[in-house]
Protein backbone atom coordinates (compact mmCIF):
# COMPACT_ATOMS: atom_id res chain seq x y z
CA UNK A 1 30.06 -34.47 -14.91
CA UNK A 2 29.96 -30.82 -13.84
CA UNK A 3 31.52 -29.50 -10.63
CA UNK A 4 31.22 -26.20 -8.82
CA UNK A 5 34.30 -24.10 -8.07
CA UNK A 6 36.56 -25.57 -5.34
CA UNK A 7 35.62 -22.76 -2.92
CA UNK A 8 32.08 -24.16 -2.93
CA UNK A 9 32.98 -27.83 -3.24
CA UNK A 10 35.41 -27.75 -0.30
CA UNK A 11 32.90 -26.28 2.14
CA UNK A 12 30.18 -28.57 0.78
CA UNK A 13 32.31 -31.67 1.48
CA UNK A 14 33.22 -30.35 4.94
CA UNK A 15 29.55 -29.78 5.78
CA UNK A 16 28.74 -33.35 4.76
CA UNK A 17 31.55 -34.84 6.82
CA UNK A 18 30.86 -32.75 9.91
CA UNK A 19 27.13 -33.49 9.74
CA UNK A 20 28.07 -37.14 10.34
CA UNK A 21 29.97 -36.02 13.45
CA UNK A 22 26.89 -34.16 14.70
CA UNK A 23 24.48 -37.03 14.11
CA UNK A 24 26.71 -39.73 15.61
CA UNK A 25 27.79 -37.99 18.80
CA UNK A 26 25.79 -37.68 22.02
CA UNK A 27 22.61 -35.64 22.06
CA UNK A 28 23.98 -33.42 24.83
CA UNK A 29 26.92 -32.23 22.73
CA UNK A 30 26.79 -28.99 20.79
CA UNK A 31 28.72 -27.96 17.72
CA UNK A 32 31.48 -25.59 18.91
CA UNK A 33 30.75 -21.97 18.09
CA UNK A 34 34.23 -21.57 16.63
CA UNK A 35 33.61 -24.23 13.98
CA UNK A 36 30.12 -22.98 13.17
CA UNK A 37 31.03 -19.31 12.84
CA UNK A 38 34.23 -20.10 10.95
CA UNK A 39 31.98 -21.69 8.32
CA UNK A 40 29.85 -18.54 8.38
CA UNK A 41 32.86 -16.28 7.80
CA UNK A 42 34.01 -18.49 4.94
CA UNK A 43 30.58 -18.32 3.28
CA UNK A 44 30.49 -14.55 3.71
CA UNK A 45 33.87 -14.15 2.00
CA UNK A 46 33.11 -16.35 -1.02
CA UNK A 47 29.74 -14.71 -1.65
CA UNK A 48 30.41 -11.21 -0.30
CA UNK A 49 33.49 -10.60 -2.43
CA UNK A 50 32.34 -12.57 -5.47
CA UNK A 51 33.23 -10.89 -8.75
CA UNK A 52 30.43 -10.82 -11.36
CA UNK A 53 29.04 -14.07 -9.98
CA UNK A 54 25.33 -14.80 -9.78
CA UNK A 55 22.66 -14.30 -12.44
CA UNK A 56 21.52 -10.96 -10.99
CA UNK A 57 24.95 -9.46 -10.34
CA UNK A 58 25.14 -7.15 -13.42
CA UNK A 59 21.67 -5.76 -12.77
CA UNK A 60 22.35 -5.03 -9.12
CA UNK A 61 25.70 -3.42 -9.93
CA UNK A 62 24.15 -1.18 -12.59
CA UNK A 63 21.44 -0.11 -10.17
CA UNK A 64 24.04 0.68 -7.52
CA UNK A 65 26.19 2.82 -9.83
CA UNK A 66 23.53 4.45 -12.01
CA UNK A 67 20.08 4.36 -10.41
CA UNK A 68 20.48 4.83 -6.66
CA UNK A 69 22.74 7.93 -6.86
CA UNK A 70 19.75 9.75 -8.41
CA UNK A 71 17.34 8.65 -5.68
CA UNK A 72 16.30 11.38 -3.27
CA UNK A 73 15.87 10.65 0.45
CA UNK A 74 12.47 12.35 0.35
CA UNK A 75 11.33 9.75 -2.17
CA UNK A 76 12.58 6.98 0.11
CA UNK A 77 10.65 8.42 3.05
CA UNK A 78 7.51 8.59 0.92
CA UNK A 79 8.04 4.97 -0.05
CA UNK A 80 8.62 4.07 3.60
CA UNK A 81 5.18 5.38 4.56
CA UNK A 82 3.45 3.86 1.51
CA UNK A 83 3.06 7.21 -0.21
CA UNK A 84 3.25 7.67 -3.96
CA UNK A 85 6.90 7.60 -5.08
CA UNK A 86 8.96 7.42 -8.26
CA UNK A 87 11.08 4.61 -6.79
CA UNK A 88 10.29 1.26 -8.37
CA UNK A 89 12.17 -0.88 -5.87
CA UNK A 90 11.70 -1.66 -2.19
CA UNK A 91 12.75 1.27 -0.01
CA UNK A 92 14.91 -0.59 2.53
CA UNK A 93 17.09 -2.09 -0.18
CA UNK A 94 17.27 1.31 -1.89
CA UNK A 95 18.19 2.98 1.40
CA UNK A 96 20.97 0.47 2.05
CA UNK A 97 22.38 1.07 -1.43
CA UNK A 98 22.14 4.82 -0.95
CA UNK A 99 23.98 4.76 2.38
CA UNK A 100 26.83 2.61 1.07
CA UNK A 101 27.13 4.59 -2.17
CA UNK A 102 27.28 7.87 -0.21
CA UNK A 103 30.40 6.63 1.62
CA UNK A 104 32.15 6.20 -1.73
CA UNK A 105 32.59 2.45 -1.36
CA UNK A 106 32.48 0.27 -4.50
CA UNK A 107 29.73 -2.23 -5.19
CA UNK A 108 31.78 -5.13 -3.84
CA UNK A 109 31.53 -3.64 -0.35
CA UNK A 110 27.75 -3.56 -0.65
CA UNK A 111 27.66 -7.25 -1.56
CA UNK A 112 29.88 -7.95 1.47
CA UNK A 113 27.56 -6.02 3.80
CA UNK A 114 24.52 -7.81 2.40
CA UNK A 115 26.28 -11.17 2.81
CA UNK A 116 27.06 -10.38 6.47
CA UNK A 117 23.45 -9.43 7.20
CA UNK A 118 21.85 -12.25 5.24
CA UNK A 119 24.13 -15.15 6.15
CA UNK A 120 24.73 -14.21 9.80
CA UNK A 121 21.01 -13.62 10.33
CA UNK A 122 19.94 -17.02 9.05
CA UNK A 123 22.80 -18.94 10.61
CA UNK A 124 22.25 -17.34 14.02
CA UNK A 125 18.71 -18.73 14.02
CA UNK A 126 19.93 -22.12 12.82
CA UNK A 127 22.57 -22.33 15.54
CA UNK A 128 20.13 -21.42 18.30
CA UNK A 129 17.20 -23.57 17.20
CA UNK A 130 18.74 -26.57 15.40
CA UNK A 131 20.17 -29.59 17.20
CA UNK A 132 22.53 -30.14 14.24
CA UNK A 133 23.42 -26.61 13.04
CA UNK A 134 26.11 -27.68 10.54
CA UNK A 135 23.64 -30.13 9.01
CA UNK A 136 21.29 -27.12 8.78
CA UNK A 137 23.88 -25.18 6.78
CA UNK A 138 24.24 -28.15 4.43
CA UNK A 139 20.50 -28.14 3.73
CA UNK A 140 20.59 -24.36 3.29
CA UNK A 141 23.44 -24.41 0.76
CA UNK A 142 21.53 -25.62 -2.30
CA UNK A 143 19.65 -23.83 -3.59
CA UNK A 144 19.23 -21.09 -0.95
CA UNK A 145 22.83 -19.96 -0.69
CA UNK A 146 23.39 -19.87 -4.46
CA UNK A 147 20.05 -18.61 -5.71
CA UNK A 148 19.40 -16.20 -2.84
CA UNK A 149 22.58 -14.98 -1.16
CA UNK A 150 24.68 -15.30 -4.32
CA UNK A 151 21.96 -14.13 -6.66
CA UNK A 152 18.68 -12.52 -5.76
CA UNK A 153 19.94 -10.52 -2.79
CA UNK A 154 16.77 -8.54 -2.10
CA UNK A 155 14.71 -11.63 -1.47
CA UNK A 156 17.56 -13.21 0.51
CA UNK A 157 17.53 -10.21 2.86
CA UNK A 158 13.74 -10.33 3.17
CA UNK A 159 13.75 -14.07 3.91
CA UNK A 160 16.48 -13.56 6.51
CA UNK A 161 14.31 -11.09 8.40
CA UNK A 162 11.39 -13.54 8.23
CA UNK A 163 13.57 -16.27 9.72
CA UNK A 164 14.83 -13.85 12.41
CA UNK A 165 11.19 -13.11 13.30
CA UNK A 166 10.93 -16.69 14.60
CA UNK A 167 12.24 -15.39 17.93
CA UNK A 168 9.17 -13.20 18.32
CA UNK A 169 6.87 -15.97 17.14
CA UNK A 170 8.21 -18.09 19.99
CA UNK A 171 7.99 -15.27 22.52
CA UNK A 172 4.54 -14.24 21.24
CA UNK A 173 5.59 -10.61 20.80
CA UNK A 174 3.26 -9.56 18.03
CA UNK A 175 4.43 -5.95 17.62
CA UNK A 176 8.07 -6.95 17.26
CA UNK A 177 6.99 -9.63 14.81
CA UNK A 178 5.03 -7.13 12.75
CA UNK A 179 8.07 -4.84 12.71
CA UNK A 180 10.11 -7.73 11.28
CA UNK A 181 7.51 -8.31 8.57
CA UNK A 182 7.56 -4.60 7.74
CA UNK A 183 11.36 -4.66 7.38
CA UNK A 184 11.24 -7.89 5.37
CA UNK A 185 8.61 -6.37 3.07
CA UNK A 186 10.84 -3.31 2.69
CA UNK A 187 13.54 -5.60 1.29
CA UNK A 188 11.27 -7.71 -0.93
CA UNK A 189 7.50 -7.53 -1.37
CA UNK A 190 7.03 -11.29 -1.68
CA UNK A 191 7.74 -11.71 2.05
CA UNK A 192 4.30 -10.27 2.87
CA UNK A 193 3.05 -13.83 2.31
CA UNK A 194 4.81 -14.72 5.59
CA UNK A 195 2.56 -12.37 7.58
CA UNK A 196 0.11 -15.09 8.80
CA UNK A 197 2.96 -17.25 10.19
CA UNK A 198 2.64 -15.71 13.67
CA UNK A 199 -0.90 -17.10 14.00
CA UNK A 200 -0.43 -20.24 11.93
CA UNK A 201 2.39 -21.33 14.25
CA UNK A 202 0.06 -21.92 17.21
CA UNK A 203 -2.64 -23.93 15.41
CA UNK A 204 -2.90 -27.34 17.12
CA UNK A 205 -1.78 -30.04 14.71
CA UNK A 206 -1.40 -33.80 14.81
CA UNK A 207 -0.13 -36.41 12.40
CA UNK A 208 -3.66 -36.87 11.07
CA UNK A 209 -4.25 -33.16 10.58
CA UNK A 210 -0.92 -32.79 8.80
CA UNK A 211 -1.82 -35.67 6.48
CA UNK A 212 -5.26 -34.27 5.62
CA UNK A 213 -3.90 -30.73 5.15
CA UNK A 214 -1.31 -31.90 2.64
CA UNK A 215 -3.76 -34.21 0.83
CA UNK A 216 -6.33 -31.42 0.45
CA UNK A 217 -3.68 -29.13 -1.05
CA UNK A 218 -2.50 -31.88 -3.42
CA UNK A 219 -6.11 -32.35 -4.56
CA UNK A 220 -6.55 -28.59 -5.02
CA UNK A 221 -3.33 -28.30 -7.02
CA UNK A 222 -4.80 -28.80 -10.55
CA UNK A 223 -7.51 -26.19 -9.96
CA UNK A 224 -5.03 -23.28 -9.72
CA UNK A 225 -7.06 -21.55 -7.02
CA UNK A 226 -4.24 -19.03 -6.60
CA UNK A 227 -5.60 -17.32 -9.72
CA UNK A 228 -8.32 -15.87 -7.50
CA UNK A 229 -5.56 -13.74 -5.96
CA UNK A 230 -3.73 -13.00 -9.19
CA UNK A 231 -4.24 -9.24 -8.92
CA UNK A 232 -2.59 -9.25 -5.51
CA UNK A 233 0.19 -11.67 -6.42
CA UNK A 234 1.08 -9.65 -9.50
CA UNK A 235 2.02 -6.70 -7.26
CA UNK A 236 4.76 -8.62 -5.45
CA UNK A 237 7.57 -7.83 -7.93
CA UNK A 238 7.69 -11.42 -9.14
CA UNK A 239 8.38 -10.34 -12.70
CA UNK A 240 11.92 -9.14 -12.00
CA UNK A 241 13.60 -12.53 -12.28
CA UNK A 242 16.82 -12.79 -14.21
CA UNK A 243 17.25 -15.20 -17.09
CA UNK A 244 19.59 -17.26 -14.96
CA UNK A 245 17.05 -17.68 -12.21
CA UNK A 246 14.32 -18.41 -14.73
CA UNK A 247 16.49 -21.15 -16.18
CA UNK A 248 16.74 -22.76 -12.77
CA UNK A 249 13.00 -22.51 -12.18
CA UNK A 250 12.21 -23.83 -15.65
CA UNK A 251 14.36 -26.89 -15.01
CA UNK A 252 12.52 -27.70 -11.81
CA UNK A 253 9.22 -27.08 -13.58
CA UNK A 254 10.06 -29.56 -16.32
CA UNK A 255 11.18 -32.11 -13.72
CA UNK A 256 8.15 -31.64 -11.46
CA UNK A 257 8.67 -34.99 -9.77
CA UNK A 258 11.89 -33.58 -8.31
CA UNK A 259 10.23 -30.94 -6.10
CA UNK A 260 7.04 -32.95 -5.67
CA UNK A 261 9.03 -35.87 -4.33
CA UNK A 262 10.97 -33.65 -1.96
CA UNK A 263 7.77 -32.11 -0.55
CA UNK A 264 6.29 -35.57 -0.06
CA UNK A 265 9.41 -36.65 1.82
CA UNK A 266 9.05 -33.61 4.09
CA UNK A 267 5.39 -34.48 4.61
CA UNK A 268 6.21 -38.11 5.44
CA UNK A 269 8.76 -37.09 8.07
CA UNK A 270 6.49 -34.43 9.56
CA UNK A 271 3.67 -36.98 9.88
CA UNK A 272 5.72 -39.97 11.05
CA UNK A 273 7.82 -38.24 13.70
CA UNK A 274 5.47 -35.49 14.82
CA UNK A 275 4.78 -36.79 18.31
CA UNK A 276 8.36 -37.64 19.26
CA UNK A 277 9.71 -34.37 17.84
CA UNK A 278 7.13 -32.35 19.77
CA UNK A 279 8.23 -34.09 22.97
CA UNK A 280 11.98 -33.59 22.46
CA UNK A 281 12.39 -30.28 20.62
CA UNK A 282 11.49 -26.93 22.16
CA UNK A 283 9.09 -24.91 19.98
CA UNK A 284 9.08 -27.67 17.36
CA UNK A 285 5.33 -27.19 16.92
CA UNK A 286 5.90 -23.60 15.76
CA UNK A 287 8.58 -24.36 13.18
CA UNK A 288 6.66 -27.46 12.07
CA UNK A 289 3.51 -25.45 11.36
CA UNK A 290 5.51 -22.91 9.36
CA UNK A 291 7.03 -25.64 7.19
CA UNK A 292 3.65 -27.37 6.76
CA UNK A 293 2.29 -24.07 5.46
CA UNK A 294 5.14 -23.93 2.95
CA UNK A 295 4.47 -27.48 1.76
CA UNK A 296 0.74 -26.79 1.40
CA UNK A 297 1.32 -23.51 -0.44
CA UNK A 298 3.78 -25.28 -2.75
CA UNK A 299 1.17 -27.84 -3.82
CA UNK A 300 -1.53 -25.19 -4.22
CA UNK A 301 0.76 -23.08 -6.44
CA UNK A 302 2.50 -26.04 -8.06
CA UNK A 303 1.26 -25.16 -11.56
CA UNK A 304 3.13 -21.85 -11.44
CA UNK A 305 6.89 -22.44 -11.02
CA UNK A 306 7.50 -18.83 -9.97
CA UNK A 307 4.81 -18.70 -7.28
CA UNK A 308 5.59 -22.20 -5.99
CA UNK A 309 9.23 -21.29 -5.35
CA UNK A 310 9.45 -17.55 -4.76
CA UNK A 311 6.27 -16.99 -2.76
CA UNK A 312 6.78 -19.98 -0.47
CA UNK A 313 10.49 -19.34 0.01
CA UNK A 314 10.13 -17.72 3.43
CA UNK A 315 8.23 -20.75 4.72
CA UNK A 316 10.57 -23.30 3.14
CA UNK A 317 13.47 -21.40 4.70
CA UNK A 318 12.56 -23.36 7.84
CA UNK A 319 13.54 -26.69 6.24
CA UNK A 320 17.10 -26.39 7.65
CA UNK A 321 15.55 -26.06 11.11
CA UNK A 322 12.86 -28.73 10.99
CA UNK A 323 14.66 -31.61 9.24
CA UNK A 324 17.76 -31.72 11.53
CA UNK A 325 15.49 -31.52 14.57
CA UNK A 326 13.39 -34.43 13.28
CA UNK A 327 16.58 -36.45 12.74
CA UNK A 328 17.68 -35.64 16.29
CA UNK A 329 14.30 -36.67 17.70
CA UNK A 330 14.35 -40.16 16.16
CA UNK A 331 15.07 -42.64 18.96
CA UNK A 332 16.33 -45.57 16.91
CA UNK A 333 19.98 -44.88 16.04
CA UNK A 334 19.92 -46.88 12.82
CA UNK A 335 16.82 -45.04 11.60
CA UNK A 336 18.35 -41.72 12.61
CA UNK A 337 21.48 -42.47 10.60
CA UNK A 338 19.46 -43.73 7.63
CA UNK A 339 17.34 -40.57 7.44
CA UNK A 340 20.46 -38.42 7.75
CA UNK A 341 22.19 -40.47 5.05
CA UNK A 342 19.17 -40.01 2.77
CA UNK A 343 19.47 -36.23 2.96
CA UNK A 344 23.24 -36.35 2.50
CA UNK A 345 22.82 -38.42 -0.66
CA UNK A 346 20.05 -36.10 -1.80
CA UNK A 347 22.24 -33.02 -1.29
CA UNK A 348 25.08 -34.67 -3.24
CA UNK A 349 22.60 -35.36 -6.04
CA UNK A 350 21.35 -31.77 -5.79
CA UNK A 351 24.95 -30.53 -6.03
CA UNK A 352 25.45 -32.17 -9.41
CA UNK A 353 21.99 -31.14 -10.65
CA UNK A 354 22.69 -27.53 -9.71
CA UNK A 355 26.21 -27.62 -11.18
CA UNK A 356 24.90 -28.96 -14.48
CA UNK A 357 21.91 -26.67 -14.92
CA UNK A 358 22.93 -23.49 -13.10
CA UNK A 359 26.66 -23.65 -12.47
CA UNK A 360 27.71 -22.10 -15.77
CA UNK A 361 24.86 -19.59 -16.02
CA UNK A 362 25.51 -18.36 -12.49
CA UNK A 363 29.32 -18.36 -12.93
CA UNK A 364 29.79 -20.82 -10.07
CA UNK A 365 32.05 -23.19 -12.05
CA UNK A 366 35.87 -23.44 -11.78
CA UNK A 367 36.43 -21.59 -15.05
CA UNK A 368 33.99 -18.74 -14.33
CA UNK A 369 33.91 -18.01 -10.60
CA UNK A 370 36.03 -15.04 -9.51
CA UNK A 371 36.64 -13.32 -6.20
CA UNK A 372 37.96 -9.79 -5.67
CA UNK A 373 40.38 -11.05 -3.02
CA UNK A 374 42.44 -13.08 -5.49
CA UNK A 375 41.16 -12.44 -9.03
CA UNK A 376 42.74 -9.83 -11.28
């Protein structure tokens, strides 16, 4: 049986235990900010100062030390305004690297800055919009924290901006929302798929419409209709996956029932508790529609393990918002606890699956994980 390094296992166990506290206390209580943001600081330290951890770490470090010093600001400005440029990577990520490198700071400080932006951004939205924010962090941990924040940092930054844009979706501020999408796109091109979310969020839905939407997408799945947009999808930098990330995706592809089952569970909860959640949770309809879009896109792109995970990531990033709010909305206490327990057991299962298939490759195991704060 494989385990992740104690720095991950300890916080994982704490998140599980405290999620029981959240679910079993009164609905009027809120998780203290001190506890929540202490968890955030801890996550920032273990990922921000990681030492050669994550499947993409060597590539990002080489780019920081060898590629970005040669990048000219004029090229970045051209890239910013969609002009022809020699730069092969998104301009906002390149600009961030350039700024940090110019100060003379080592690469580890860049990973810390990225961790602060990425983790604080997502967790701020979770704390404000989730009834059980620590439970939200638990659902975010695997695989988002490891694959994104500890690995593919560009997409993690882009997804964070997409999640932050939820504020402007709620407030119906389209220009601010479009600015967020522009910034997200400047970190990772795949986030452009999130552009329709502003309008999809206000589509009237019911349990029946959710059911039929998911069923239609399941039926369409074998036809690979996404191939009609292959020329567009091929421009979204989806080919730059590391071998480590590919290994993770290939595992989930071979065990298709794993992700299929999870999406069906999401669909069941969205359908069953739609009415009560809409009545009890502010702006639930918006976050629900975003997650439904992610589920539908997953089934449509199911035949392509890259598209069905990377392209829908910004939508599925709302799982840690929607699921805890559904659990909170359930009136029957025994049912509420049972649904919560299901996801706790699932996350424990996911922990061991991830440790076995990605722990060693990503250097997340006790014998491979290192941190600059205490490693030689």
